[in-house]
Amino acid sequence: MKEPKQLYFIAIVPPEPIYSQIAEFKAHMAEQYNSKAALKSPPHITLHMPFRWDEEKEEKIFRTLENLTDNRQAFDLSLENFGAFKPRVIYVDLHRQPALEDLHDDLKKVMKISLNIFNADYKDRGFNPHMTLAFRDLKKPAFFEAWKEFESKEFNASFTADKIILLKHNGKNWDVYREFPLKK
């Protein structure tokens, strides 16, 4: 019998100390508001939604992402404060950055052309880059309580996005699987 296809997604993962700061916010959401789903992945900005792929053919994903990142320059990203997709999602917000938009657009194209994968964006809502702290398991009453805490909370950080990450699901959580560097 054929093995089921693996789950992958593509993201930017921040370096330390930002990684740990975002992880602490996620842990706080789990402890205070019983929203644990975001703990199943590292802090990240999703570039391409999860997709299924035959593990035996993942070399094709690697080549596609290597071609995409080959001559692409690293770029700076700035995180600022918090946002929400009411009434279920709370996230760290980030400034729109043309280089990030271009990377997403180009990734979306190569995924369609090279891999025949079409689910780049969530429910066709377009690209809205952010770092999720709590989502699908955040109950509405807890959302409103948490949003009161986070809507006026301040957070500022910046980092250089110098690689994109292919994440792979291990059956319980998402693991950083392979890195594709951008030029510095």
C-alpha atoms as a PDB file:
ATOM      1  CA  MET A   1       0.000   0.000   0.000  1.00  0.00           C
ATOM      2  CA  LYS A   2       1.264   3.468  -0.866  1.00  0.00           C
ATOM      3  CA  GLU A   3       2.343   5.703   2.021  1.00  0.00           C
ATOM      4  CA  PRO A   4       0.168   8.794   2.530  1.00  0.00           C
ATOM      5  CA  LYS A   5       1.693  12.042   1.349  1.00  0.00           C
ATOM      6  CA  GLN A   6       3.616  14.160   3.844  1.00  0.00           C
ATOM      7  CA  LEU A   7       2.571  17.648   4.961  1.00  0.00           C
ATOM      8  CA  TYR A   8       4.929  20.577   4.291  1.00  0.00           C
ATOM      9  CA  PHE A   9       4.769  24.358   4.393  1.00  0.00           C
ATOM     10  CA  ILE A  10       7.158  27.200   3.618  1.00  0.00           C
ATOM     11  CA  ALA A  11       7.962  30.068   5.964  1.00  0.00           C
ATOM     12  CA  ILE A  12      10.422  32.586   7.311  1.00  0.00           C
ATOM     13  CA  VAL A  13      11.544  31.726  10.850  1.00  0.00           C
ATOM     14  CA  PRO A  14      13.035  34.596  12.879  1.00  0.00           C
ATOM     15  CA  PRO A  15      16.453  34.297  14.535  1.00  0.00           C
ATOM     16  CA  GLU A  16      17.144  34.568  18.251  1.00  0.00           C
ATOM     17  CA  PRO A  17      16.259  36.442  20.392  1.00  0.00           C
ATOM     18  CA  ILE A  18      13.055  37.182  18.433  1.00  0.00           C
ATOM     19  CA  TYR A  19      12.340  33.462  18.063  1.00  0.00           C
ATOM     20  CA  SER A  20      12.259  33.030  21.858  1.00  0.00           C
ATOM     21  CA  GLN A  21      10.250  36.216  22.423  1.00  0.00           C
ATOM     22  CA  ILE A  22       7.520  35.043  20.032  1.00  0.00           C
ATOM     23  CA  ALA A  23       7.652  31.536  21.550  1.00  0.00           C
ATOM     24  CA  GLU A  24       7.061  33.113  24.978  1.00  0.00           C
ATOM     25  CA  PHE A  25       3.975  34.958  23.688  1.00  0.00           C
ATOM     26  CA  LYS A  26       2.668  31.658  22.266  1.00  0.00           C
ATOM     27  CA  ALA A  27       3.296  29.888  25.583  1.00  0.00           C
ATOM     28  CA  HIS A  28       1.480  32.711  27.397  1.00  0.00           C
ATOM     29  CA  MET A  29      -1.533  32.252  25.087  1.00  0.00           C
ATOM     30  CA  ALA A  30      -1.526  28.524  25.874  1.00  0.00           C
ATOM     31  CA  GLU A  31      -1.234  29.030  29.645  1.00  0.00           C
ATOM     32  CA  GLN A  32      -3.570  32.001  30.075  1.00  0.00           C
ATOM     33  CA  TYR A  33      -6.131  31.430  27.313  1.00  0.00           C
ATOM     34  CA  ASN A  34      -5.932  27.671  26.662  1.00  0.00           C
ATOM     35  CA  SER A  35      -4.878  28.162  23.033  1.00  0.00           C
ATOM     36  CA  LYS A  36      -2.206  25.557  22.349  1.00  0.00           C
ATOM     37  CA  ALA A  37      -2.428  24.970  18.570  1.00  0.00           C
ATOM     38  CA  ALA A  38       0.160  27.659  17.762  1.00  0.00           C
ATOM     39  CA  LEU A  39       2.709  25.760  19.867  1.00  0.00           C
ATOM     40  CA  LYS A  40       2.820  23.026  17.217  1.00  0.00           C
ATOM     41  CA  SER A  41       4.993  25.129  14.914  1.00  0.00           C
ATOM     42  CA  PRO A  42       8.013  27.353  15.450  1.00  0.00           C
ATOM     43  CA  PRO A  43       7.467  31.122  15.350  1.00  0.00           C
ATOM     44  CA  HIS A  44       7.200  31.968  11.647  1.00  0.00           C
ATOM     45  CA  ILE A  45       5.748  34.034   8.815  1.00  0.00           C
ATOM     46  CA  THR A  46       3.916  31.710   6.440  1.00  0.00           C
ATOM     47  CA  LEU A  47       4.963  32.108   2.806  1.00  0.00           C
ATOM     48  CA  HIS A  48       3.008  29.112   1.531  1.00  0.00           C
ATOM     49  CA  MET A  49       0.189  27.281   3.297  1.00  0.00           C
ATOM     50  CA  PRO A  50       0.570  23.586   4.193  1.00  0.00           C
ATOM     51  CA  PHE A  51       0.449  21.206   1.252  1.00  0.00           C
ATOM     52  CA  ARG A  52       0.749  17.450   0.775  1.00  0.00           C
ATOM     53  CA  TRP A  53       3.586  15.966  -1.261  1.00  0.00           C
ATOM     54  CA  ASP A  54       5.032  12.535  -1.956  1.00  0.00           C
ATOM     55  CA  GLU A  55       8.053  12.207   0.331  1.00  0.00           C
ATOM     56  CA  GLU A  56       9.925  10.225  -2.320  1.00  0.00           C
ATOM     57  CA  LYS A  57       9.719  13.229  -4.645  1.00  0.00           C
ATOM     58  CA  GLU A  58      10.712  15.941  -2.173  1.00  0.00           C
ATOM     59  CA  GLU A  59      13.951  16.530  -4.122  1.00  0.00           C
ATOM     60  CA  LYS A  60      11.712  18.364  -6.619  1.00  0.00           C
ATOM     61  CA  ILE A  61      10.600  20.745  -3.828  1.00  0.00           C
ATOM     62  CA  PHE A  62      14.263  21.294  -2.881  1.00  0.00           C
ATOM     63  CA  ARG A  63      15.233  22.156  -6.482  1.00  0.00           C
ATOM     64  CA  THR A  64      12.270  24.488  -6.856  1.00  0.00           C
ATOM     65  CA  LEU A  65      13.141  26.389  -3.663  1.00  0.00           C
ATOM     66  CA  GLU A  66      16.865  26.464  -4.510  1.00  0.00           C
ATOM     67  CA  ASN A  67      16.041  28.005  -7.899  1.00  0.00           C
ATOM     68  CA  LEU A  68      13.775  30.558  -6.216  1.00  0.00           C
ATOM     69  CA  THR A  69      16.362  31.643  -3.643  1.00  0.00           C
ATOM     70  CA  ASP A  70      19.489  31.329  -5.795  1.00  0.00           C
ATOM     71  CA  ASN A  71      19.987  35.009  -6.631  1.00  0.00           C
ATOM     72  CA  ARG A  72      17.503  36.588  -4.256  1.00  0.00           C
ATOM     73  CA  GLN A  73      18.776  39.132  -1.748  1.00  0.00           C
ATOM     74  CA  ALA A  74      18.142  38.922   1.985  1.00  0.00           C
ATOM     75  CA  PHE A  75      15.903  41.736   3.276  1.00  0.00           C
ATOM     76  CA  ASP A  76      14.945  43.365   6.561  1.00  0.00           C
ATOM     77  CA  LEU A  77      11.640  42.796   8.318  1.00  0.00           C
ATOM     78  CA  SER A  78      10.157  44.854  11.152  1.00  0.00           C
ATOM     79  CA  LEU A  79       7.679  43.491  13.659  1.00  0.00           C
ATOM     80  CA  GLU A  80       5.458  45.996  15.395  1.00  0.00           C
ATOM     81  CA  ASN A  81       2.813  45.392  18.024  1.00  0.00           C
ATOM     82  CA  PHE A  82      -0.104  42.989  17.634  1.00  0.00           C
ATOM     83  CA  GLY A  83      -3.083  42.410  15.400  1.00  0.00           C
ATOM     84  CA  ALA A  84      -6.109  40.137  15.193  1.00  0.00           C
ATOM     85  CA  PHE A  85      -8.371  38.357  12.770  1.00  0.00           C
ATOM     86  CA  LYS A  86     -11.448  38.562  14.953  1.00  0.00           C
ATOM     87  CA  PRO A  87     -12.678  36.479  16.720  1.00  0.00           C
ATOM     88  CA  ARG A  88     -10.088  33.664  16.603  1.00  0.00           C
ATOM     89  CA  VAL A  89      -6.533  34.803  15.749  1.00  0.00           C
ATOM     90  CA  ILE A  90      -4.033  37.023  17.577  1.00  0.00           C
ATOM     91  CA  TYR A  91      -0.654  37.699  16.020  1.00  0.00           C
ATOM     92  CA  VAL A  92       2.478  39.808  16.026  1.00  0.00           C
ATOM     93  CA  ASP A  93       2.079  42.316  13.215  1.00  0.00           C
ATOM     94  CA  LEU A  94       4.730  43.308  10.720  1.00  0.00           C
ATOM     95  CA  HIS A  95       5.352  46.167   8.337  1.00  0.00           C
ATOM     96  CA  ARG A  96       4.519  45.434   4.731  1.00  0.00           C
ATOM     97  CA  GLN A  97       7.787  45.018   2.874  1.00  0.00           C
ATOM     98  CA  PRO A  98       8.015  44.958  -0.948  1.00  0.00           C
ATOM     99  CA  ALA A  99      10.780  42.317  -0.902  1.00  0.00           C
ATOM    100  CA  LEU A 100       8.552  40.020   1.186  1.00  0.00           C
ATOM    101  CA  GLU A 101       5.598  40.612  -1.143  1.00  0.00           C
ATOM    102  CA  ASP A 102       7.793  39.842  -4.175  1.00  0.00           C
ATOM    103  CA  LEU A 103       9.148  36.670  -2.560  1.00  0.00           C
ATOM    104  CA  HIS A 104       5.606  35.490  -1.811  1.00  0.00           C
ATOM    105  CA  ASP A 105       4.387  36.271  -5.335  1.00  0.00           C
ATOM    106  CA  ASP A 106       7.337  34.485  -6.933  1.00  0.00           C
ATOM    107  CA  LEU A 107       6.966  31.494  -4.604  1.00  0.00           C
ATOM    108  CA  LYS A 108       3.272  31.237  -5.424  1.00  0.00           C
ATOM    109  CA  LYS A 109       4.112  31.188  -9.159  1.00  0.00           C
ATOM    110  CA  VAL A 110       6.863  28.554  -8.923  1.00  0.00           C
ATOM    111  CA  MET A 111       4.742  26.315  -6.717  1.00  0.00           C
ATOM    112  CA  LYS A 112       2.009  26.381  -9.383  1.00  0.00           C
ATOM    113  CA  ILE A 113       4.304  26.024 -12.383  1.00  0.00           C
ATOM    114  CA  SER A 114       6.925  23.610 -11.035  1.00  0.00           C
ATOM    115  CA  LEU A 115       4.922  21.549  -8.546  1.00  0.00           C
ATOM    116  CA  ASN A 116       1.282  22.050  -9.562  1.00  0.00           C
ATOM    117  CA  ILE A 117       0.442  23.271  -6.037  1.00  0.00           C
ATOM    118  CA  PHE A 118      -2.178  26.014  -5.864  1.00  0.00           C
ATOM    119  CA  ASN A 119      -2.975  26.676  -2.185  1.00  0.00           C
ATOM    120  CA  ALA A 120      -0.520  29.526  -1.497  1.00  0.00           C
ATOM    121  CA  ASP A 121      -3.000  31.670   0.455  1.00  0.00           C
ATOM    122  CA  TYR A 122      -5.500  30.893   3.177  1.00  0.00           C
ATOM    123  CA  LYS A 123      -8.995  30.534   1.708  1.00  0.00           C
ATOM    124  CA  ASP A 124      -8.042  32.903  -1.144  1.00  0.00           C
ATOM    125  CA  ARG A 125      -7.755  35.805   1.296  1.00  0.00           C
ATOM    126  CA  GLY A 126      -4.478  37.023  -0.156  1.00  0.00           C
ATOM    127  CA  PHE A 127      -1.136  37.433   1.552  1.00  0.00           C
ATOM    128  CA  ASN A 128      -1.331  38.959   5.025  1.00  0.00           C
ATOM    129  CA  PRO A 129       2.065  38.306   6.641  1.00  0.00           C
ATOM    130  CA  HIS A 130       2.147  37.968  10.435  1.00  0.00           C
ATOM    131  CA  MET A 131       3.370  35.692  13.259  1.00  0.00           C
ATOM    132  CA  THR A 132       0.490  33.804  14.837  1.00  0.00           C
ATOM    133  CA  LEU A 133       0.304  33.575  18.636  1.00  0.00           C
ATOM    134  CA  ALA A 134      -3.121  31.928  18.961  1.00  0.00           C
ATOM    135  CA  PHE A 135      -5.638  30.694  16.427  1.00  0.00           C
ATOM    136  CA  ARG A 136      -8.159  27.927  15.748  1.00  0.00           C
ATOM    137  CA  ASP A 137      -8.428  26.603  19.330  1.00  0.00           C
ATOM    138  CA  LEU A 138      -8.800  30.092  20.844  1.00  0.00           C
ATOM    139  CA  LYS A 139     -12.424  30.212  22.002  1.00  0.00           C
ATOM    140  CA  LYS A 140     -14.345  33.430  21.356  1.00  0.00           C
ATOM    141  CA  PRO A 141     -14.654  34.506  25.015  1.00  0.00           C
ATOM    142  CA  ALA A 142     -10.922  33.853  25.521  1.00  0.00           C
ATOM    143  CA  PHE A 143     -10.161  35.731  22.304  1.00  0.00           C
ATOM    144  CA  PHE A 144     -11.850  38.898  23.572  1.00  0.00           C
ATOM    145  CA  GLU A 145     -10.099  38.620  26.934  1.00  0.00           C
ATOM    146  CA  ALA A 146      -6.701  38.030  25.274  1.00  0.00           C
ATOM    147  CA  TRP A 147      -7.286  40.803  22.736  1.00  0.00           C
ATOM    148  CA  LYS A 148      -7.882  43.263  25.607  1.00  0.00           C
ATOM    149  CA  GLU A 149      -4.411  42.325  26.860  1.00  0.00           C
ATOM    150  CA  PHE A 150      -2.648  42.465  23.467  1.00  0.00           C
ATOM    151  CA  GLU A 151      -4.389  45.196  21.445  1.00  0.00           C
ATOM    152  CA  SER A 152      -2.466  48.025  23.138  1.00  0.00           C
ATOM    153  CA  LYS A 153       0.628  46.031  24.156  1.00  0.00           C
ATOM    154  CA  GLU A 154       3.824  47.230  22.484  1.00  0.00           C
ATOM    155  CA  PHE A 155       6.364  45.029  20.762  1.00  0.00           C
ATOM    156  CA  ASN A 156       9.050  46.073  18.300  1.00  0.00           C
ATOM    157  CA  ALA A 157      11.782  43.986  16.720  1.00  0.00           C
ATOM    158  CA  SER A 158      13.519  43.667  13.394  1.00  0.00           C
ATOM    159  CA  PHE A 159      15.664  41.075  11.702  1.00  0.00           C
ATOM    160  CA  THR A 160      17.155  40.196   8.345  1.00  0.00           C
ATOM    161  CA  ALA A 161      15.247  37.500   6.488  1.00  0.00           C
ATOM    162  CA  ASP A 162      18.234  35.610   5.109  1.00  0.00           C
ATOM    163  CA  LYS A 163      16.621  32.237   4.363  1.00  0.00           C
ATOM    164  CA  ILE A 164      13.322  30.546   3.727  1.00  0.00           C
ATOM    165  CA  ILE A 165      12.446  27.364   5.557  1.00  0.00           C
ATOM    166  CA  LEU A 166      10.705  24.207   4.426  1.00  0.00           C
ATOM    167  CA  LEU A 167       8.845  22.741   7.398  1.00  0.00           C
ATOM    168  CA  LYS A 168       7.656  19.149   7.564  1.00  0.00           C
ATOM    169  CA  HIS A 169       4.981  17.694   9.821  1.00  0.00           C
ATOM    170  CA  ASN A 170       6.149  14.821  12.028  1.00  0.00           C
ATOM    171  CA  GLY A 171       2.643  13.594  12.893  1.00  0.00           C
ATOM    172  CA  LYS A 172       2.266  15.918  15.903  1.00  0.00           C
ATOM    173  CA  ASN A 173       4.239  19.103  15.237  1.00  0.00           C
ATOM    174  CA  TRP A 174       6.009  21.045  12.522  1.00  0.00           C
ATOM    175  CA  ASP A 175       9.784  20.697  12.287  1.00  0.00           C
ATOM    176  CA  VAL A 176      12.269  22.917  10.484  1.00  0.00           C
ATOM    177  CA  TYR A 177      13.274  20.499   7.734  1.00  0.00           C
ATOM    178  CA  ARG A 178      15.449  22.345   5.231  1.00  0.00           C
ATOM    179  CA  GLU A 179      16.825  25.886   4.865  1.00  0.00           C
ATOM    180  CA  PHE A 180      17.269  27.780   1.612  1.00  0.00           C
ATOM    181  CA  PRO A 181      19.594  30.776   2.077  1.00  0.00           C
ATOM    182  CA  LEU A 182      19.152  34.196   0.500  1.00  0.00           C
ATOM    183  CA  LYS A 183      22.156  36.274  -0.568  1.00  0.00           C
ATOM    184  CA  LYS A 184      23.585  38.594   2.068  1.00  0.00           C
END
